[in-house]
Amino acid sequence: MRDIANFLFEVGMLTKTPRTGFRFLGSGCESVAEHVLRTIFIGYALSKLEADVDELKVLKICLVHDLPEARTGDMNYMYKKYVTVNEEKAVRELTETLFFGDEVKDAIHEFNEKQTK
């Protein structure tokens, strides 16, 4: 149970993690958690457009796609030019003690591959 509690605490950190694009552009603000919520609704709506789309897979990917940012922070396109983030390590360490960790890791990997229908 401690591993799940720690995981959920990290998920909660996404409410305090700002998306850096807004700060970089100088307008507005949004947390990573707010972005994830909107992404889930977008994924839900888009999954309804085609009958052969795996809705649960889409929602799962939307839910976890930015989870590593609880450890790495959000990296906008400019930051990525100068800062290297080891997202693979963040994902591995975030998921290695969870009994459902492989499922989370696989969903993040599938998101990063950008091949999901």
PDB file of N, CA and C in Angstrom:
ATOM      1  N   MET A   1       0.813  -1.200   0.000  1.00  0.00           N
ATOM      2  CA  MET A   1       0.000   0.000   0.000  1.00  0.00           C
ATOM      3  C   MET A   1       0.858   1.267   0.000  1.00  0.00           C
ATOM      4  N   ARG A   2       2.012   1.195   0.633  1.00  0.00           N
ATOM      5  CA  ARG A   2       2.875   2.377   0.693  1.00  0.00           C
ATOM      6  C   ARG A   2       3.296   2.813  -0.718  1.00  0.00           C
ATOM      7  N   ASP A   3       3.590   1.846  -1.581  1.00  0.00           N
ATOM      8  CA  ASP A   3       3.997   2.174  -2.953  1.00  0.00           C
ATOM      9  C   ASP A   3       2.879   2.884  -3.706  1.00  0.00           C
ATOM     10  N   ILE A   4       1.655   2.425  -3.513  1.00  0.00           N
ATOM     11  CA  ILE A   4       0.515   3.073  -4.168  1.00  0.00           C
ATOM     12  C   ILE A   4       0.312   4.470  -3.598  1.00  0.00           C
ATOM     13  N   ALA A   5       0.432   4.615  -2.280  1.00  0.00           N
ATOM     14  CA  ALA A   5       0.289   5.932  -1.653  1.00  0.00           C
ATOM     15  C   ALA A   5       1.350   6.900  -2.176  1.00  0.00           C
ATOM     16  N   ASN A   6       2.582   6.435  -2.302  1.00  0.00           N
ATOM     17  CA  ASN A   6       3.650   7.286  -2.840  1.00  0.00           C
ATOM     18  C   ASN A   6       3.362   7.679  -4.285  1.00  0.00           C
ATOM     19  N   PHE A   7       2.878   6.724  -5.068  1.00  0.00           N
ATOM     20  CA  PHE A   7       2.512   6.998  -6.460  1.00  0.00           C
ATOM     21  C   PHE A   7       1.418   8.066  -6.522  1.00  0.00           C
ATOM     22  N   LEU A   8       0.387   7.907  -5.710  1.00  0.00           N
ATOM     23  CA  LEU A   8      -0.719   8.870  -5.719  1.00  0.00           C
ATOM     24  C   LEU A   8      -0.266  10.246  -5.234  1.00  0.00           C
ATOM     25  N   PHE A   9       0.681  10.285  -4.302  1.00  0.00           N
ATOM     26  CA  PHE A   9       1.251  11.561  -3.877  1.00  0.00           C
ATOM     27  C   PHE A   9       1.937  12.242  -5.058  1.00  0.00           C
ATOM     28  N   GLU A  10       2.703  11.470  -5.825  1.00  0.00           N
ATOM     29  CA  GLU A  10       3.379  12.045  -6.997  1.00  0.00           C
ATOM     30  C   GLU A  10       2.378  12.523  -8.037  1.00  0.00           C
ATOM     31  N   VAL A  11       1.323  11.753  -8.239  1.00  0.00           N
ATOM     32  CA  VAL A  11       0.266  12.192  -9.158  1.00  0.00           C
ATOM     33  C   VAL A  11      -0.277  13.541  -8.691  1.00  0.00           C
ATOM     34  N   GLY A  12      -0.468  13.683  -7.390  1.00  0.00           N
ATOM     35  CA  GLY A  12      -0.950  14.946  -6.833  1.00  0.00           C
ATOM     36  C   GLY A  12      -0.010  16.107  -7.088  1.00  0.00           C
ATOM     37  N   MET A  13       1.277  15.817  -7.223  1.00  0.00           N
ATOM     38  CA  MET A  13       2.251  16.880  -7.498  1.00  0.00           C
ATOM     39  C   MET A  13       1.998  17.545  -8.848  1.00  0.00           C
ATOM     40  N   LEU A  14       1.308  16.852  -9.741  1.00  0.00           N
ATOM     41  CA  LEU A  14       1.019  17.442 -11.052  1.00  0.00           C
ATOM     42  C   LEU A  14       0.105  18.658 -10.932  1.00  0.00           C
ATOM     43  N   THR A  15      -0.656  18.757  -9.830  1.00  0.00           N
ATOM     44  CA  THR A  15      -1.490  19.947  -9.631  1.00  0.00           C
ATOM     45  C   THR A  15      -0.634  21.165  -9.302  1.00  0.00           C
ATOM     46  N   LYS A  16       0.564  20.919  -8.800  1.00  0.00           N
ATOM     47  CA  LYS A  16       1.488  22.006  -8.433  1.00  0.00           C
ATOM     48  C   LYS A  16       2.568  22.237  -9.485  1.00  0.00           C
ATOM     49  N   THR A  17       2.602  21.398 -10.514  1.00  0.00           N
ATOM     50  CA  THR A  17       3.634  21.491 -11.547  1.00  0.00           C
ATOM     51  C   THR A  17       3.113  22.350 -12.691  1.00  0.00           C
ATOM     52  N   PRO A  18       3.693  23.530 -12.889  1.00  0.00           N
ATOM     53  CA  PRO A  18       3.187  24.399 -13.960  1.00  0.00           C
ATOM     54  C   PRO A  18       3.636  23.929 -15.338  1.00  0.00           C
ATOM     55  N   ARG A  19       2.783  24.144 -16.308  1.00  0.00           N
ATOM     56  CA  ARG A  19       3.198  23.937 -17.692  1.00  0.00           C
ATOM     57  C   ARG A  19       4.047  25.146 -18.065  1.00  0.00           C
ATOM     58  N   THR A  20       5.206  24.901 -18.607  1.00  0.00           N
ATOM     59  CA  THR A  20       6.163  25.988 -18.816  1.00  0.00           C
ATOM     60  C   THR A  20       5.911  26.778 -20.084  1.00  0.00           C
ATOM     61  N   GLY A  21       5.131  26.249 -20.993  1.00  0.00           N
ATOM     62  CA  GLY A  21       4.852  26.982 -22.228  1.00  0.00           C
ATOM     63  C   GLY A  21       4.173  28.314 -21.959  1.00  0.00           C
ATOM     64  N   PHE A  22       3.211  28.310 -21.036  1.00  0.00           N
ATOM     65  CA  PHE A  22       2.517  29.551 -20.700  1.00  0.00           C
ATOM     66  C   PHE A  22       3.482  30.552 -20.074  1.00  0.00           C
ATOM     67  N   ARG A  23       4.303  30.073 -19.152  1.00  0.00           N
ATOM     68  CA  ARG A  23       5.270  30.956 -18.491  1.00  0.00           C
ATOM     69  C   ARG A  23       6.270  31.497 -19.511  1.00  0.00           C
ATOM     70  N   PHE A  24       6.692  30.636 -20.429  1.00  0.00           N
ATOM     71  CA  PHE A  24       7.648  31.031 -21.460  1.00  0.00           C
ATOM     72  C   PHE A  24       7.059  32.104 -22.373  1.00  0.00           C
ATOM     73  N   LEU A  25       5.786  31.944 -22.722  1.00  0.00           N
ATOM     74  CA  LEU A  25       5.134  32.905 -23.616  1.00  0.00           C
ATOM     75  C   LEU A  25       4.669  34.158 -22.889  1.00  0.00           C
ATOM     76  N   GLY A  26       4.619  34.091 -21.549  1.00  0.00           N
ATOM     77  CA  GLY A  26       4.265  35.268 -20.773  1.00  0.00           C
ATOM     78  C   GLY A  26       2.781  35.500 -20.607  1.00  0.00           C
ATOM     79  N   SER A  27       1.956  34.498 -20.890  1.00  0.00           N
ATOM     80  CA  SER A  27       0.516  34.693 -20.723  1.00  0.00           C
ATOM     81  C   SER A  27      -0.127  33.430 -20.172  1.00  0.00           C
ATOM     82  N   GLY A  28      -1.056  33.623 -19.254  1.00  0.00           N
ATOM     83  CA  GLY A  28      -1.818  32.508 -18.724  1.00  0.00           C
ATOM     84  C   GLY A  28      -1.010  31.588 -17.836  1.00  0.00           C
ATOM     85  N   CYS A  29      -1.694  30.619 -17.271  1.00  0.00           N
ATOM     86  CA  CYS A  29      -1.030  29.596 -16.476  1.00  0.00           C
ATOM     87  C   CYS A  29      -1.927  28.365 -16.446  1.00  0.00           C
ATOM     88  N   GLU A  30      -1.308  27.244 -16.344  1.00  0.00           N
ATOM     89  CA  GLU A  30      -2.026  25.976 -16.296  1.00  0.00           C
ATOM     90  C   GLU A  30      -1.092  24.959 -15.662  1.00  0.00           C
ATOM     91  N   SER A  31      -1.634  24.121 -14.802  1.00  0.00           N
ATOM     92  CA  SER A  31      -0.821  23.046 -14.229  1.00  0.00           C
ATOM     93  C   SER A  31      -0.828  21.858 -15.182  1.00  0.00           C
ATOM     94  N   VAL A  32       0.111  20.961 -14.972  1.00  0.00           N
ATOM     95  CA  VAL A  32       0.147  19.738 -15.774  1.00  0.00           C
ATOM     96  C   VAL A  32      -1.133  18.940 -15.539  1.00  0.00           C
ATOM     97  N   ALA A  33      -1.639  18.933 -14.303  1.00  0.00           N
ATOM     98  CA  ALA A  33      -2.876  18.203 -14.005  1.00  0.00           C
ATOM     99  C   ALA A  33      -4.059  18.782 -14.782  1.00  0.00           C
ATOM    100  N   GLU A  34      -4.137  20.104 -14.888  1.00  0.00           N
ATOM    101  CA  GLU A  34      -5.213  20.720 -15.678  1.00  0.00           C
ATOM    102  C   GLU A  34      -5.099  20.308 -17.143  1.00  0.00           C
ATOM    103  N   HIS A  35      -3.894  20.286 -17.645  1.00  0.00           N
ATOM    104  CA  HIS A  35      -3.653  19.854 -19.024  1.00  0.00           C
ATOM    105  C   HIS A  35      -4.078  18.398 -19.217  1.00  0.00           C
ATOM    106  N   VAL A  36      -3.735  17.542 -18.268  1.00  0.00           N
ATOM    107  CA  VAL A  36      -4.088  16.123 -18.365  1.00  0.00           C
ATOM    108  C   VAL A  36      -5.606  15.947 -18.370  1.00  0.00           C
ATOM    109  N   LEU A  37      -6.309  16.681 -17.520  1.00  0.00           N
ATOM    110  CA  LEU A  37      -7.769  16.577 -17.493  1.00  0.00           C
ATOM    111  C   LEU A  37      -8.369  16.945 -18.845  1.00  0.00           C
ATOM    112  N   ARG A  38      -7.921  18.044 -19.402  1.00  0.00           N
ATOM    113  CA  ARG A  38      -8.427  18.450 -20.715  1.00  0.00           C
ATOM    114  C   ARG A  38      -8.075  17.407 -21.778  1.00  0.00           C
ATOM    115  N   THR A  39      -6.875  16.860 -21.698  1.00  0.00           N
ATOM    116  CA  THR A  39      -6.444  15.833 -22.651  1.00  0.00           C
ATOM    117  C   THR A  39      -7.339  14.599 -22.572  1.00  0.00           C
ATOM    118  N   ILE A  40      -7.729  14.213 -21.368  1.00  0.00           N
ATOM    119  CA  ILE A  40      -8.620  13.059 -21.204  1.00  0.00           C
ATOM    120  C   ILE A  40      -9.946  13.314 -21.914  1.00  0.00           C
ATOM    121  N   PHE A  41     -10.502  14.499 -21.751  1.00  0.00           N
ATOM    122  CA  PHE A  41     -11.773  14.805 -22.408  1.00  0.00           C
ATOM    123  C   PHE A  41     -11.626  14.871 -23.925  1.00  0.00           C
ATOM    124  N   ILE A  42     -10.516  15.411 -24.387  1.00  0.00           N
ATOM    125  CA  ILE A  42     -10.259  15.429 -25.838  1.00  0.00           C
ATOM    126  C   ILE A  42     -10.154  13.998 -26.360  1.00  0.00           C
ATOM    127  N   GLY A  43      -9.404  13.158 -25.665  1.00  0.00           N
ATOM    128  CA  GLY A  43      -9.267  11.760 -26.068  1.00  0.00           C
ATOM    129  C   GLY A  43     -10.598  11.036 -26.082  1.00  0.00           C
ATOM    130  N   TYR A  44     -11.424  11.301 -25.083  1.00  0.00           N
ATOM    131  CA  TYR A  44     -12.750  10.677 -25.016  1.00  0.00           C
ATOM    132  C   TYR A  44     -13.594  11.080 -26.222  1.00  0.00           C
ATOM    133  N   ALA A  45     -13.631  12.380 -26.499  1.00  0.00           N
ATOM    134  CA  ALA A  45     -14.434  12.866 -27.629  1.00  0.00           C
ATOM    135  C   ALA A  45     -13.920  12.309 -28.954  1.00  0.00           C
ATOM    136  N   LEU A  46     -12.614  12.338 -29.137  1.00  0.00           N
ATOM    137  CA  LEU A  46     -12.046  11.852 -30.401  1.00  0.00           C
ATOM    138  C   LEU A  46     -12.226  10.344 -30.567  1.00  0.00           C
ATOM    139  N   SER A  47     -12.202   9.604 -29.463  1.00  0.00           N
ATOM    140  CA  SER A  47     -12.363   8.147 -29.570  1.00  0.00           C
ATOM    141  C   SER A  47     -13.769   7.769 -30.018  1.00  0.00           C
ATOM    142  N   LYS A  48     -14.710   8.684 -29.894  1.00  0.00           N
ATOM    143  CA  LYS A  48     -16.090   8.429 -30.318  1.00  0.00           C
ATOM    144  C   LYS A  48     -16.277   8.625 -31.820  1.00  0.00           C
ATOM    145  N   LEU A  49     -15.288   9.200 -32.487  1.00  0.00           N
ATOM    146  CA  LEU A  49     -15.421   9.507 -33.914  1.00  0.00           C
ATOM    147  C   LEU A  49     -15.274   8.286 -34.811  1.00  0.00           C
ATOM    148  N   GLU A  50     -14.585   7.249 -34.328  1.00  0.00           N
ATOM    149  CA  GLU A  50     -14.383   6.043 -35.131  1.00  0.00           C
ATOM    150  C   GLU A  50     -14.697   4.817 -34.288  1.00  0.00           C
ATOM    151  N   ALA A  51     -15.397   3.873 -34.893  1.00  0.00           N
ATOM    152  CA  ALA A  51     -15.859   2.694 -34.157  1.00  0.00           C
ATOM    153  C   ALA A  51     -14.730   1.757 -33.743  1.00  0.00           C
ATOM    154  N   ASP A  52     -13.658   1.702 -34.497  1.00  0.00           N
ATOM    155  CA  ASP A  52     -12.605   0.720 -34.216  1.00  0.00           C
ATOM    156  C   ASP A  52     -11.504   1.237 -33.290  1.00  0.00           C
ATOM    157  N   VAL A  53     -11.742   2.328 -32.599  1.00  0.00           N
ATOM    158  CA  VAL A  53     -10.752   2.883 -31.674  1.00  0.00           C
ATOM    159  C   VAL A  53     -10.966   2.265 -30.289  1.00  0.00           C
ATOM    160  N   ASP A  54      -9.884   1.881 -29.646  1.00  0.00           N
ATOM    161  CA  ASP A  54      -9.937   1.321 -28.295  1.00  0.00           C
ATOM    162  C   ASP A  54     -10.025   2.486 -27.302  1.00  0.00           C
ATOM    163  N   GLU A  55     -11.244   2.797 -26.900  1.00  0.00           N
ATOM    164  CA  GLU A  55     -11.497   3.957 -26.042  1.00  0.00           C
ATOM    165  C   GLU A  55     -10.724   3.879 -24.728  1.00  0.00           C
ATOM    166  N   LEU A  56     -10.701   2.719 -24.101  1.00  0.00           N
ATOM    167  CA  LEU A  56      -9.990   2.574 -22.830  1.00  0.00           C
ATOM    168  C   LEU A  56      -8.496   2.834 -23.007  1.00  0.00           C
ATOM    169  N   LYS A  57      -7.922   2.344 -24.091  1.00  0.00           N
ATOM    170  CA  LYS A  57      -6.498   2.577 -24.355  1.00  0.00           C
ATOM    171  C   LYS A  57      -6.227   4.069 -24.533  1.00  0.00           C
ATOM    172  N   VAL A  58      -7.093   4.746 -25.295  1.00  0.00           N
ATOM    173  CA  VAL A  58      -6.934   6.187 -25.516  1.00  0.00           C
ATOM    174  C   VAL A  58      -6.985   6.925 -24.184  1.00  0.00           C
ATOM    175  N   LEU A  59      -7.975   6.611 -23.361  1.00  0.00           N
ATOM    176  CA  LEU A  59      -8.119   7.298 -22.080  1.00  0.00           C
ATOM    177  C   LEU A  59      -6.938   7.012 -21.151  1.00  0.00           C
ATOM    178  N   LYS A  60      -6.451   5.774 -21.161  1.00  0.00           N
ATOM    179  CA  LYS A  60      -5.307   5.410 -20.322  1.00  0.00           C
ATOM    180  C   LYS A  60      -4.060   6.187 -20.748  1.00  0.00           C
ATOM    181  N   ILE A  61      -3.833   6.276 -22.045  1.00  0.00           N
ATOM    182  CA  ILE A  61      -2.674   7.022 -22.541  1.00  0.00           C
ATOM    183  C   ILE A  61      -2.805   8.499 -22.183  1.00  0.00           C
ATOM    184  N   CYS A  62      -4.003   9.057 -22.364  1.00  0.00           N
ATOM    185  CA  CYS A  62      -4.222  10.463 -21.997  1.00  0.00           C
ATOM    186  C   CYS A  62      -3.968  10.686 -20.506  1.00  0.00           C
ATOM    187  N   LEU A  63      -4.378   9.734 -19.692  1.00  0.00           N
ATOM    188  CA  LEU A  63      -4.240   9.851 -18.244  1.00  0.00           C
ATOM    189  C   LEU A  63      -2.785   9.879 -17.793  1.00  0.00           C
ATOM    190  N   VAL A  64      -1.945   9.048 -18.395  1.00  0.00           N
ATOM    191  CA  VAL A  64      -0.577   8.886 -17.880  1.00  0.00           C
ATOM    192  C   VAL A  64       0.504   9.561 -18.722  1.00  0.00           C
ATOM    193  N   HIS A  65       0.147  10.172 -19.839  1.00  0.00           N
ATOM    194  CA  HIS A  65       1.177  10.632 -20.785  1.00  0.00           C
ATOM    195  C   HIS A  65       2.168  11.632 -20.188  1.00  0.00           C
ATOM    196  N   ASP A  66       1.758  12.440 -19.241  1.00  0.00           N
ATOM    197  CA  ASP A  66       2.665  13.421 -18.637  1.00  0.00           C
ATOM    198  C   ASP A  66       3.057  13.075 -17.202  1.00  0.00           C
ATOM    199  N   LEU A  67       2.798  11.860 -16.777  1.00  0.00           N
ATOM    200  CA  LEU A  67       3.144  11.435 -15.424  1.00  0.00           C
ATOM    201  C   LEU A  67       4.614  11.649 -15.072  1.00  0.00           C
ATOM    202  N   PRO A  68       5.554  11.407 -15.990  1.00  0.00           N
ATOM    203  CA  PRO A  68       6.966  11.635 -15.645  1.00  0.00           C
ATOM    204  C   PRO A  68       7.257  13.076 -15.226  1.00  0.00           C
ATOM    205  N   GLU A  69       6.416  14.009 -15.628  1.00  0.00           N
ATOM    206  CA  GLU A  69       6.653  15.412 -15.290  1.00  0.00           C
ATOM    207  C   GLU A  69       6.505  15.685 -13.800  1.00  0.00           C
ATOM    208  N   ALA A  70       5.932  14.750 -13.054  1.00  0.00           N
ATOM    209  CA  ALA A  70       5.921  14.881 -11.594  1.00  0.00           C
ATOM    210  C   ALA A  70       7.350  14.843 -11.062  1.00  0.00           C
ATOM    211  N   ARG A  71       8.248  14.198 -11.807  1.00  0.00           N
ATOM    212  CA  ARG A  71       9.661  14.101 -11.418  1.00  0.00           C
ATOM    213  C   ARG A  71      10.562  15.032 -12.222  1.00  0.00           C
ATOM    214  N   THR A  72      10.217  15.276 -13.469  1.00  0.00           N
ATOM    215  CA  THR A  72      11.117  16.030 -14.347  1.00  0.00           C
ATOM    216  C   THR A  72      10.708  17.478 -14.545  1.00  0.00           C
ATOM    217  N   GLY A  73       9.470  17.808 -14.241  1.00  0.00           N
ATOM    218  CA  GLY A  73       8.935  19.110 -14.592  1.00  0.00           C
ATOM    219  C   GLY A  73       8.529  19.113 -16.056  1.00  0.00           C
ATOM    220  N   ASP A  74       7.808  20.136 -16.450  1.00  0.00           N
ATOM    221  CA  ASP A  74       7.350  20.272 -17.833  1.00  0.00           C
ATOM    222  C   ASP A  74       8.431  20.974 -18.642  1.00  0.00           C
ATOM    223  N   MET A  75       8.732  20.431 -19.782  1.00  0.00           N
ATOM    224  CA  MET A  75       9.782  20.994 -20.632  1.00  0.00           C
ATOM    225  C   MET A  75       9.162  21.542 -21.917  1.00  0.00           C
ATOM    226  N   ASN A  76       9.180  22.864 -22.075  1.00  0.00           N
ATOM    227  CA  ASN A  76       8.674  23.422 -23.330  1.00  0.00           C
ATOM    228  C   ASN A  76       9.729  23.252 -24.427  1.00  0.00           C
ATOM    229  N   TYR A  77       9.367  23.624 -25.641  1.00  0.00           N
ATOM    230  CA  TYR A  77      10.264  23.365 -26.780  1.00  0.00           C
ATOM    231  C   TYR A  77      11.614  24.069 -26.636  1.00  0.00           C
ATOM    232  N   MET A  78      11.651  25.228 -26.011  1.00  0.00           N
ATOM    233  CA  MET A  78      12.911  25.949 -25.843  1.00  0.00           C
ATOM    234  C   MET A  78      13.795  25.258 -24.799  1.00  0.00           C
ATOM    235  N   TYR A  79      13.204  24.855 -23.678  1.00  0.00           N
ATOM    236  CA  TYR A  79      13.969  24.153 -22.647  1.00  0.00           C
ATOM    237  C   TYR A  79      14.607  22.895 -23.223  1.00  0.00           C
ATOM    238  N   LYS A  80      13.850  22.186 -24.067  1.00  0.00           N
ATOM    239  CA  LYS A  80      14.338  20.924 -24.633  1.00  0.00           C
ATOM    240  C   LYS A  80      15.571  21.115 -25.514  1.00  0.00           C
ATOM    241  N   LYS A  81      15.780  22.332 -26.002  1.00  0.00           N
ATOM    242  CA  LYS A  81      16.967  22.600 -26.813  1.00  0.00           C
ATOM    243  C   LYS A  81      18.241  22.598 -25.972  1.00  0.00           C
ATOM    244  N   TYR A  82      18.102  22.855 -24.661  1.00  0.00           N
ATOM    245  CA  TYR A  82      19.269  23.041 -23.810  1.00  0.00           C
ATOM    246  C   TYR A  82      19.368  22.078 -22.628  1.00  0.00           C
ATOM    247  N   VAL A  83      18.257  21.483 -22.259  1.00  0.00           N
ATOM    248  CA  VAL A  83      18.225  20.619 -21.081  1.00  0.00           C
ATOM    249  C   VAL A  83      17.859  19.203 -21.510  1.00  0.00           C
ATOM    250  N   THR A  84      18.610  18.239 -21.026  1.00  0.00           N
ATOM    251  CA  THR A  84      18.311  16.839 -21.311  1.00  0.00           C
ATOM    252  C   THR A  84      17.648  16.222 -20.087  1.00  0.00           C
ATOM    253  N   VAL A  85      16.502  15.621 -20.300  1.00  0.00           N
ATOM    254  CA  VAL A  85      15.763  14.966 -19.231  1.00  0.00           C
ATOM    255  C   VAL A  85      15.776  13.468 -19.492  1.00  0.00           C
ATOM    256  N   ASN A  86      16.046  12.697 -18.474  1.00  0.00           N
ATOM    257  CA  ASN A  86      16.039  11.245 -18.600  1.00  0.00           C
ATOM    258  C   ASN A  86      14.643  10.736 -18.236  1.00  0.00           C
ATOM    259  N   GLU A  87      13.711  10.886 -19.189  1.00  0.00           N
ATOM    260  CA  GLU A  87      12.332  10.478 -18.938  1.00  0.00           C
ATOM    261  C   GLU A  87      12.227   8.976 -18.715  1.00  0.00           C
ATOM    262  N   GLU A  88      13.036   8.219 -19.420  1.00  0.00           N
ATOM    263  CA  GLU A  88      13.006   6.760 -19.266  1.00  0.00           C
ATOM    264  C   GLU A  88      13.314   6.362 -17.818  1.00  0.00           C
ATOM    265  N   LYS A  89      14.303   7.010 -17.222  1.00  0.00           N
ATOM    266  CA  LYS A  89      14.645   6.734 -15.827  1.00  0.00           C
ATOM    267  C   LYS A  89      13.507   7.161 -14.905  1.00  0.00           C
ATOM    268  N   ALA A  90      12.922   8.315 -15.171  1.00  0.00           N
ATOM    269  CA  ALA A  90      11.809   8.792 -14.349  1.00  0.00           C
ATOM    270  C   ALA A  90      10.643   7.811 -14.400  1.00  0.00           C
ATOM    271  N   VAL A  91      10.322   7.326 -15.593  1.00  0.00           N
ATOM    272  CA  VAL A  91       9.224   6.366 -15.746  1.00  0.00           C
ATOM    273  C   VAL A  91       9.564   5.063 -15.035  1.00  0.00           C
ATOM    274  N   ARG A  92      10.769   4.577 -15.237  1.00  0.00           N
ATOM    275  CA  ARG A  92      11.181   3.318 -14.610  1.00  0.00           C
ATOM    276  C   ARG A  92      11.080   3.413 -13.087  1.00  0.00           C
ATOM    277  N   GLU A  93      11.629   4.475 -12.513  1.00  0.00           N
ATOM    278  CA  GLU A  93      11.629   4.612 -11.056  1.00  0.00           C
ATOM    279  C   GLU A  93      10.234   4.898 -10.505  1.00  0.00           C
ATOM    280  N   LEU A  94       9.413   5.557 -11.290  1.00  0.00           N
ATOM    281  CA  LEU A  94       8.042   5.850 -10.869  1.00  0.00           C
ATOM    282  C   LEU A  94       7.183   4.591 -10.838  1.00  0.00           C
ATOM    283  N   THR A  95       7.461   3.657 -11.732  1.00  0.00           N
ATOM    284  CA  THR A  95       6.583   2.496 -11.902  1.00  0.00           C
ATOM    285  C   THR A  95       7.130   1.183 -11.350  1.00  0.00           C
ATOM    286  N   GLU A  96       8.409   1.110 -11.038  1.00  0.00           N
ATOM    287  CA  GLU A  96       9.032  -0.182 -10.726  1.00  0.00           C
ATOM    288  C   GLU A  96       8.470  -0.887  -9.495  1.00  0.00           C
ATOM    289  N   THR A  97       7.891  -0.169  -8.556  1.00  0.00           N
ATOM    290  CA  THR A  97       7.375  -0.814  -7.343  1.00  0.00           C
ATOM    291  C   THR A  97       5.866  -1.030  -7.375  1.00  0.00           C
ATOM    292  N   LEU A  98       5.231  -0.660  -8.474  1.00  0.00           N
ATOM    293  CA  LEU A  98       3.777  -0.786  -8.577  1.00  0.00           C
ATOM    294  C   LEU A  98       3.394  -2.089  -9.266  1.00  0.00           C
ATOM    295  N   PHE A  99       2.389  -2.767  -8.757  1.00  0.00           N
ATOM    296  CA  PHE A  99       1.961  -4.007  -9.406  1.00  0.00           C
ATOM    297  C   PHE A  99       1.353  -3.736 -10.777  1.00  0.00           C
ATOM    298  N   PHE A 100       0.922  -2.504 -11.016  1.00  0.00           N
ATOM    299  CA  PHE A 100       0.401  -2.108 -12.328  1.00  0.00           C
ATOM    300  C   PHE A 100       1.401  -1.228 -13.078  1.00  0.00           C
ATOM    301  N   GLY A 101       2.628  -1.210 -12.609  1.00  0.00           N
ATOM    302  CA  GLY A 101       3.657  -0.346 -13.188  1.00  0.00           C
ATOM    303  C   GLY A 101       3.939  -0.603 -14.654  1.00  0.00           C
ATOM    304  N   ASP A 102       3.947  -1.873 -15.060  1.00  0.00           N
ATOM    305  CA  ASP A 102       4.209  -2.180 -16.473  1.00  0.00           C
ATOM    306  C   ASP A 102       3.126  -1.599 -17.374  1.00  0.00           C
ATOM    307  N   GLU A 103       1.895  -1.614 -16.894  1.00  0.00           N
ATOM    308  CA  GLU A 103       0.786  -1.055 -17.668  1.00  0.00           C
ATOM    309  C   GLU A 103       0.970   0.451 -17.872  1.00  0.00           C
ATOM    310  N   VAL A 104       1.366   1.147 -16.817  1.00  0.00           N
ATOM    311  CA  VAL A 104       1.617   2.588 -16.906  1.00  0.00           C
ATOM    312  C   VAL A 104       2.801   2.850 -17.829  1.00  0.00           C
ATOM    313  N   LYS A 105       3.879   2.106 -17.629  1.00  0.00           N
ATOM    314  CA  LYS A 105       5.085   2.271 -18.448  1.00  0.00           C
ATOM    315  C   LYS A 105       4.779   2.019 -19.924  1.00  0.00           C
ATOM    316  N   ASP A 106       4.017   0.975 -20.210  1.00  0.00           N
ATOM    317  CA  ASP A 106       3.670   0.650 -21.597  1.00  0.00           C
ATOM    318  C   ASP A 106       2.824   1.749 -22.235  1.00  0.00           C
ATOM    319  N   ALA A 107       1.896   2.318 -21.478  1.00  0.00           N
ATOM    320  CA  ALA A 107       1.051   3.389 -22.014  1.00  0.00           C
ATOM    321  C   ALA A 107       1.877   4.640 -22.318  1.00  0.00           C
ATOM    322  N   ILE A 108       2.808   4.977 -21.439  1.00  0.00           N
ATOM    323  CA  ILE A 108       3.678   6.134 -21.682  1.00  0.00           C
ATOM    324  C   ILE A 108       4.557   5.878 -22.902  1.00  0.00           C
ATOM    325  N   HIS A 109       5.089   4.669 -22.997  1.00  0.00           N
ATOM    326  CA  HIS A 109       5.920   4.315 -24.157  1.00  0.00           C
ATOM    327  C   HIS A 109       5.102   4.411 -25.448  1.00  0.00           C
ATOM    328  N   GLU A 110       3.892   3.897 -25.424  1.00  0.00           N
ATOM    329  CA  GLU A 110       3.051   3.951 -26.620  1.00  0.00           C
ATOM    330  C   GLU A 110       2.746   5.398 -27.007  1.00  0.00           C
ATOM    331  N   PHE A 111       2.502   6.259 -26.019  1.00  0.00           N
ATOM    332  CA  PHE A 111       2.283   7.683 -26.300  1.00  0.00           C
ATOM    333  C   PHE A 111       3.509   8.289 -26.975  1.00  0.00           C
ATOM    334  N   ASN A 112       4.683   8.004 -26.442  1.00  0.00           N
ATOM    335  CA  ASN A 112       5.914   8.574 -26.996  1.00  0.00           C
ATOM    336  C   ASN A 112       6.220   8.070 -28.402  1.00  0.00           C
ATOM    337  N   GLU A 113       5.753   6.879 -28.729  1.00  0.00           N
ATOM    338  CA  GLU A 113       5.960   6.324 -30.073  1.00  0.00           C
ATOM    339  C   GLU A 113       5.078   7.005 -31.123  1.00  0.00           C
ATOM    340  N   LYS A 114       3.989   7.616 -30.691  1.00  0.00           N
ATOM    341  CA  LYS A 114       3.075   8.365 -31.579  1.00  0.00           C
ATOM    342  C   LYS A 114       2.535   7.520 -32.735  1.00  0.00           C
ATOM    343  N   GLN A 115       2.212   6.267 -32.470  1.00  0.00           N
ATOM    344  CA  GLN A 115       1.690   5.382 -33.515  1.00  0.00           C
ATOM    345  C   GLN A 115       0.295   4.843 -33.197  1.00  0.00           C
ATOM    346  N   THR A 116      -0.263   5.196 -32.057  1.00  0.00           N
ATOM    347  CA  THR A 116      -1.549   4.642 -31.631  1.00  0.00           C
ATOM    348  C   THR A 116      -2.684   5.198 -32.471  1.00  0.00           C
ATOM    349  N   LYS A 117      -3.600   4.305 -32.833  1.00  0.00           N
ATOM    350  CA  LYS A 117      -4.807   4.767 -33.534  1.00  0.00           C
ATOM    351  C   LYS A 117      -5.881   4.997 -32.513  1.00  0.00           C
TER     352      LYS A 117
END
